[in-house]
């Protein structure tokens, strides 16, 4: 097997759901940036998402909401990892955090 085929098998995945307060964010753009690799998708009708990156390690997860892009540092492992996230308003600013 060629080395580039082996490298192509390495990567990681995160999944979970995103809420704004108690409401799940349906059909909302989410993205994952790992180094120079970016993958994006939209949440489903229940606020759930699943993103697969070509790399593992420290990455940046983002949510597009109200003309803003909220970000959170995440760690992507080879095994799927669940991130339950919530957007809160603090001092007039939107903040993305892990639940």
Protein backbone atom coordinates (compact mmCIF):
# COMPACT_ATOMS: atom_id res chain seq x y z
CA UNK A 1 0.00 0.00 0.00
CA UNK A 2 1.32 3.45 -0.86
CA UNK A 3 2.09 5.91 1.96
CA UNK A 4 -0.42 8.42 0.58
CA UNK A 5 -3.20 5.85 0.93
CA UNK A 6 -2.29 5.32 4.57
CA UNK A 7 -2.20 9.06 5.22
CA UNK A 8 -5.63 9.37 3.60
CA UNK A 9 -7.06 7.06 6.26
CA UNK A 10 -5.91 9.25 9.15
CA UNK A 11 -8.30 11.90 10.36
CA UNK A 12 -10.90 12.57 12.96
CA UNK A 13 -14.52 13.36 13.50
CA UNK A 14 -16.62 15.47 15.82
CA UNK A 15 -20.37 15.43 16.23
CA UNK A 16 -22.98 16.84 18.54
CA UNK A 17 -25.60 19.53 18.69
CA UNK A 18 -25.68 23.32 18.95
CA UNK A 19 -28.20 25.36 20.95
CA UNK A 20 -28.89 29.05 21.47
CA UNK A 21 -30.05 29.06 25.07
CA UNK A 22 -32.63 26.27 25.15
CA UNK A 23 -33.42 26.33 21.41
CA UNK A 24 -31.57 24.02 19.04
CA UNK A 25 -30.03 25.80 16.03
CA UNK A 26 -31.56 24.18 12.96
CA UNK A 27 -30.06 24.61 9.47
CA UNK A 28 -27.16 26.67 10.80
CA UNK A 29 -23.72 26.71 9.17
CA UNK A 30 -20.93 25.11 11.18
CA UNK A 31 -17.28 24.66 10.20
CA UNK A 32 -14.13 22.95 11.44
CA UNK A 33 -10.67 24.30 10.65
CA UNK A 34 -7.73 21.96 11.26
CA UNK A 35 -4.51 23.50 9.96
CA UNK A 36 -5.12 24.35 6.31
CA UNK A 37 -8.12 21.98 6.05
CA UNK A 38 -11.65 23.38 6.41
CA UNK A 39 -14.84 21.35 6.37
CA UNK A 40 -18.30 22.81 6.74
CA UNK A 41 -21.91 21.69 6.90
CA UNK A 42 -25.29 22.76 8.20
CA UNK A 43 -26.96 21.46 11.29
CA UNK A 44 -30.07 19.36 10.75
CA UNK A 45 -33.56 20.24 11.97
CA UNK A 46 -32.61 19.25 15.53
CA UNK A 47 -29.36 21.24 15.68
CA UNK A 48 -27.17 18.15 15.19
CA UNK A 49 -23.95 18.18 13.17
CA UNK A 50 -21.17 15.78 12.13
CA UNK A 51 -17.85 16.97 10.69
CA UNK A 52 -14.93 14.81 9.54
CA UNK A 53 -11.47 16.38 9.27
CA UNK A 54 -8.44 15.08 7.41
CA UNK A 55 -6.26 15.78 10.47
CA UNK A 56 -6.42 15.31 14.22
CA UNK A 57 -5.34 17.60 17.02
CA UNK A 58 -6.30 21.12 18.01
CA UNK A 59 -8.83 22.66 15.61
CA UNK A 60 -11.28 25.55 15.56
CA UNK A 61 -15.03 24.93 15.43
CA UNK A 62 -17.27 27.78 14.32
CA UNK A 63 -20.96 28.61 14.08
CA UNK A 64 -22.40 31.30 11.80
CA UNK A 65 -25.13 33.13 13.72
CA UNK A 66 -26.64 36.61 13.41
CA UNK A 67 -23.99 37.82 10.93
CA UNK A 68 -21.24 36.63 13.29
CA UNK A 69 -18.87 33.69 13.29
CA UNK A 70 -18.50 32.34 16.82
CA UNK A 71 -15.48 30.11 17.43
CA UNK A 72 -14.32 27.55 19.96
CA UNK A 73 -11.09 25.55 20.21
CA UNK A 74 -11.74 21.80 20.03
CA UNK A 75 -9.55 18.70 19.91
CA UNK A 76 -10.22 16.21 17.12
CA UNK A 77 -9.29 12.59 17.76
CA UNK A 78 -9.25 9.58 15.43
CA UNK A 79 -12.32 8.28 17.26
CA UNK A 80 -15.50 10.36 16.94
CA UNK A 81 -15.84 12.88 19.77
CA UNK A 82 -19.06 14.50 20.92
CA UNK A 83 -19.23 18.26 21.48
CA UNK A 84 -22.49 19.59 22.91
CA UNK A 85 -22.36 23.33 22.37
CA UNK A 86 -24.43 26.30 23.42
CA UNK A 87 -24.46 29.95 22.38
CA UNK A 88 -25.09 32.40 25.21
CA UNK A 89 -25.39 36.15 25.33
CA UNK A 90 -23.03 37.79 27.83
CA UNK A 91 -22.77 41.54 28.24
CA UNK A 92 -24.38 42.02 24.83
CA UNK A 93 -21.98 39.61 23.09
CA UNK A 94 -22.66 36.12 21.76
CA UNK A 95 -20.34 33.44 23.17
CA UNK A 96 -19.96 29.80 22.06
CA UNK A 97 -19.12 27.31 24.80
CA UNK A 98 -19.10 23.61 25.53
CA UNK A 99 -21.85 22.26 27.77
